[in-house]
Amino acid sequence: MKKKPEADFVIFDLGNVIVDIFYTETLDYIKQKVAPIHHERVASFYLTDFHKDYEKGLISSDEFRQEIKNYFEEDWSDEFVDHLWNYLLGKIPVERLELAKNLKEHYRTGVLSNTNEIHIQALNKILKEDHGLESLHDLFEHVYFSHEMNLSKPDPLIYKALVEDLNTTPEKVIFFDDLKANVESAREIGIQAHQVTGPNVIFDFFKHV
């Protein structure tokens, strides 16, 4: 029988690892709400400097909302901007939360996510309504958000900060992320990083635990 993966910590990304994410559907939805002349801007929306700055906590939520309005040249309400921004957040399958809960018998668990204040507020609402949890802190011992760390993946510095805060060494950390660049960067400093390419990857990995 395969042995339990050797590590002290298991750290999960959020998007498409814990919570379902719908990028394509969100971009299509935004296209319906902006003038046709700005459809080309939709494709580059997630690559904008102000998005990257927001994920690193370098600008406030109010500043980010205004940047979106300026970018699409729309006079939307803040509530509508939040609606558009949170459109990509899907459900959190209960089996993923159960896995995270069960893993606490063998590992110390946590999350490391490129995210932001508006998304986390929406995520907490999903957790409360669907699972009776106030926040990810109710389930995970360690919670790391890019906008609170002023760092974002795949910058190796965010993984080094994670390892240092955990007071461990990279090889004692198992990390799951859906993006190849993030996985490769984590591996470069010695973390046991694995790409989540489908819904069964994390379950298959821990099926002998």
Protein backbone atom coordinates (compact mmCIF):
# COMPACT_ATOMS: atom_id res chain seq x y z
CA MET A 1 0.00 0.00 0.00
CA LYS A 2 1.20 3.50 -0.84
CA LYS A 3 2.50 5.35 2.20
CA LYS A 4 1.08 8.63 3.49
CA PRO A 5 2.78 11.57 1.71
CA GLU A 6 5.64 12.76 3.92
CA ALA A 7 5.15 16.36 5.02
CA ASP A 8 4.03 18.44 7.97
CA PHE A 9 1.86 20.97 6.13
CA VAL A 10 -0.71 20.81 3.33
CA ILE A 11 -1.47 24.17 1.74
CA PHE A 12 -4.20 24.74 -0.85
CA ASP A 13 -4.79 27.47 -3.40
CA LEU A 14 -8.44 28.60 -3.45
CA GLY A 15 -9.49 29.03 -7.08
CA ASN A 16 -10.33 25.72 -8.80
CA VAL A 17 -8.82 23.88 -5.84
CA ILE A 18 -11.24 24.69 -3.02
CA VAL A 19 -13.77 26.98 -4.73
CA ASP A 20 -14.98 26.59 -8.32
CA ILE A 21 -14.01 29.50 -10.57
CA PHE A 22 -15.63 30.52 -13.86
CA TYR A 23 -13.27 32.83 -15.75
CA THR A 24 -14.64 32.33 -19.27
CA GLU A 25 -18.25 32.72 -18.17
CA THR A 26 -17.35 35.87 -16.26
CA LEU A 27 -15.61 37.46 -19.24
CA ASP A 28 -18.60 36.63 -21.42
CA TYR A 29 -20.90 38.19 -18.84
CA ILE A 30 -18.82 41.37 -18.64
CA LYS A 31 -18.95 41.64 -22.44
CA GLN A 32 -22.73 41.79 -22.19
CA LYS A 33 -22.47 44.78 -19.82
CA VAL A 34 -19.93 46.96 -21.63
CA ALA A 35 -20.05 48.86 -24.89
CA PRO A 36 -18.92 46.79 -27.93
CA ILE A 37 -16.01 49.19 -28.42
CA HIS A 38 -14.55 47.90 -25.14
CA HIS A 39 -14.93 44.17 -25.81
CA GLU A 40 -11.21 43.91 -26.54
CA ARG A 41 -10.49 45.29 -23.08
CA VAL A 42 -12.44 42.47 -21.46
CA ALA A 43 -9.91 39.85 -22.55
CA SER A 44 -7.11 41.79 -20.84
CA PHE A 45 -9.09 42.66 -17.73
CA TYR A 46 -7.37 40.17 -15.42
CA LEU A 47 -3.94 41.22 -16.72
CA THR A 48 -4.29 44.92 -15.88
CA ASP A 49 -1.84 46.58 -13.53
CA PHE A 50 -4.64 47.74 -11.24
CA HIS A 51 -5.84 44.15 -10.85
CA LYS A 52 -2.34 43.03 -9.93
CA ASP A 53 -2.00 45.94 -7.52
CA TYR A 54 -5.31 45.07 -5.88
CA GLU A 55 -4.27 41.45 -5.38
CA LYS A 56 -1.16 42.71 -3.61
CA GLY A 57 -3.16 45.08 -1.43
CA LEU A 58 -1.44 48.10 -2.96
CA ILE A 59 -4.73 49.88 -3.70
CA SER A 60 -7.97 49.94 -1.72
CA SER A 61 -11.26 48.35 -2.72
CA ASP A 62 -12.70 51.80 -3.48
CA GLU A 63 -9.72 52.63 -5.69
CA PHE A 64 -10.07 49.28 -7.45
CA ARG A 65 -13.77 49.85 -8.13
CA GLN A 66 -13.00 53.25 -9.63
CA GLU A 67 -10.26 51.75 -11.81
CA ILE A 68 -12.80 49.26 -13.21
CA LYS A 69 -15.25 52.05 -13.98
CA ASN A 70 -12.52 54.04 -15.70
CA TYR A 71 -11.25 51.02 -17.60
CA PHE A 72 -14.63 50.24 -19.13
CA GLU A 73 -15.78 53.88 -19.20
CA GLU A 74 -18.93 53.02 -17.26
CA ASP A 75 -20.70 54.87 -14.45
CA TRP A 76 -21.62 51.74 -12.52
CA SER A 77 -22.54 51.65 -8.84
CA ASP A 78 -20.07 50.11 -6.42
CA GLU A 79 -22.56 47.31 -5.81
CA PHE A 80 -22.70 46.47 -9.51
CA VAL A 81 -18.90 46.49 -9.78
CA ASP A 82 -18.76 44.01 -6.90
CA HIS A 83 -21.38 41.89 -8.64
CA LEU A 84 -19.30 41.76 -11.82
CA TRP A 85 -16.10 41.13 -9.91
CA ASN A 86 -17.58 38.28 -7.87
CA TYR A 87 -19.37 36.67 -10.80
CA LEU A 88 -16.51 34.20 -11.25
CA LEU A 89 -16.94 32.69 -7.78
CA GLY A 90 -18.77 29.38 -7.88
CA LYS A 91 -19.66 26.84 -5.23
CA ILE A 92 -17.42 25.17 -2.70
CA PRO A 93 -18.12 21.42 -2.96
CA VAL A 94 -18.65 20.00 0.50
CA GLU A 95 -16.35 17.05 -0.22
CA ARG A 96 -13.39 19.42 -0.55
CA LEU A 97 -14.10 20.89 2.86
CA GLU A 98 -14.49 17.40 4.30
CA LEU A 99 -11.12 16.41 2.85
CA ALA A 100 -9.48 19.48 4.37
CA LYS A 101 -11.10 18.67 7.70
CA ASN A 102 -9.97 15.04 7.63
CA LEU A 103 -6.41 15.97 6.67
CA LYS A 104 -6.06 17.85 9.96
CA GLU A 105 -5.66 14.44 11.63
CA HIS A 106 -2.35 13.99 9.77
CA TYR A 107 -1.14 17.46 8.78
CA ARG A 108 -1.37 21.12 9.64
CA THR A 109 -3.45 22.68 6.88
CA GLY A 110 -3.82 26.06 5.25
CA VAL A 111 -4.57 28.10 2.15
CA LEU A 112 -2.40 30.42 0.06
CA SER A 113 -4.34 32.45 -2.48
CA ASN A 114 -3.96 35.38 -4.83
CA THR A 115 -7.12 37.18 -3.81
CA ASN A 116 -8.56 40.43 -2.54
CA GLU A 117 -10.93 41.99 -0.01
CA ILE A 118 -14.04 41.98 -2.23
CA HIS A 119 -13.64 38.31 -3.16
CA ILE A 120 -13.02 37.25 0.43
CA GLN A 121 -16.15 39.03 1.63
CA ALA A 122 -18.14 37.19 -1.04
CA LEU A 123 -16.41 33.90 -0.22
CA ASN A 124 -17.27 34.28 3.47
CA LYS A 125 -20.91 34.73 2.47
CA ILE A 126 -20.78 31.48 0.47
CA LEU A 127 -19.15 29.68 3.38
CA LYS A 128 -21.82 30.95 5.78
CA GLU A 129 -24.84 30.26 3.58
CA ASP A 130 -23.75 26.88 2.22
CA HIS A 131 -21.61 25.42 5.00
CA GLY A 132 -22.30 27.32 8.22
CA LEU A 133 -18.72 28.59 8.45
CA GLU A 134 -17.82 32.17 9.23
CA SER A 135 -14.56 32.13 7.27
CA LEU A 136 -11.72 29.91 6.11
CA HIS A 137 -10.17 30.35 9.55
CA ASP A 138 -12.87 28.01 10.86
CA LEU A 139 -11.44 25.20 8.76
CA PHE A 140 -7.76 25.94 8.19
CA GLU A 141 -5.06 26.60 10.76
CA HIS A 142 -3.14 28.88 8.39
CA VAL A 143 -4.72 31.37 5.98
CA TYR A 144 -2.55 33.46 3.65
CA PHE A 145 -4.03 36.03 1.27
CA SER A 146 -1.93 37.91 -1.27
CA HIS A 147 -3.59 41.25 -0.51
CA GLU A 148 -2.65 40.91 3.15
CA MET A 149 0.92 39.78 2.42
CA ASN A 150 1.58 42.45 -0.24
CA LEU A 151 2.94 39.62 -2.38
CA SER A 152 1.42 37.41 -5.06
CA LYS A 153 2.12 34.12 -6.79
CA PRO A 154 4.21 33.14 -8.69
CA ASP A 155 6.74 35.46 -7.02
CA PRO A 156 9.07 33.12 -5.08
CA LEU A 157 9.06 35.62 -2.22
CA ILE A 158 5.49 34.68 -1.31
CA TYR A 159 6.48 31.02 -0.88
CA LYS A 160 9.53 31.96 1.15
CA ALA A 161 7.34 34.12 3.38
CA LEU A 162 4.92 31.20 3.77
CA VAL A 163 7.67 28.77 4.78
CA GLU A 164 9.17 31.27 7.20
CA ASP A 165 5.83 31.97 8.85
CA LEU A 166 5.15 28.24 9.18
CA ASN A 167 8.57 27.93 10.86
CA THR A 168 9.43 24.95 8.71
CA THR A 169 11.46 23.98 5.64
CA PRO A 170 10.13 23.89 2.04
CA GLU A 171 10.29 20.12 1.64
CA LYS A 172 7.89 19.68 4.57
CA VAL A 173 5.15 21.57 2.70
CA ILE A 174 2.75 20.04 0.16
CA PHE A 175 1.10 22.70 -2.01
CA PHE A 176 -1.73 22.47 -4.54
CA ASP A 177 -2.44 25.13 -7.18
CA ASP A 178 -4.30 25.08 -10.49
CA LEU A 179 -1.77 27.24 -12.35
CA LYS A 180 1.43 25.73 -13.74
CA ALA A 181 3.50 28.89 -13.17
CA ASN A 182 2.60 28.93 -9.48
CA VAL A 183 3.46 25.26 -9.08
CA GLU A 184 6.81 25.63 -10.84
CA SER A 185 7.76 28.64 -8.74
CA ALA A 186 6.94 26.81 -5.51
CA ARG A 187 8.97 23.80 -6.64
CA GLU A 188 11.97 26.02 -7.34
CA ILE A 189 12.36 26.74 -3.63
CA GLY A 190 11.82 23.09 -2.67
CA ILE A 191 8.11 22.88 -1.87
CA GLN A 192 6.29 19.68 -2.88
CA ALA A 193 3.97 21.45 -5.33
CA HIS A 194 1.31 19.76 -7.45
CA GLN A 195 -0.88 21.18 -10.21
CA VAL A 196 -4.61 20.63 -9.86
CA THR A 197 -5.78 19.88 -13.40
CA GLY A 198 -9.15 18.38 -12.53
CA PRO A 199 -11.64 17.85 -9.71
CA ASN A 200 -10.21 14.51 -8.55
CA VAL A 201 -6.51 15.42 -8.28
CA ILE A 202 -6.41 16.24 -4.57
CA PHE A 203 -8.66 13.30 -3.69
CA ASP A 204 -6.51 10.85 -5.66
CA PHE A 205 -3.37 12.24 -4.02
CA PHE A 206 -4.67 11.58 -0.52
CA LYS A 207 -6.68 8.40 -1.13
CA HIS A 208 -4.26 6.35 0.98
CA VAL A 209 -4.20 8.80 3.90
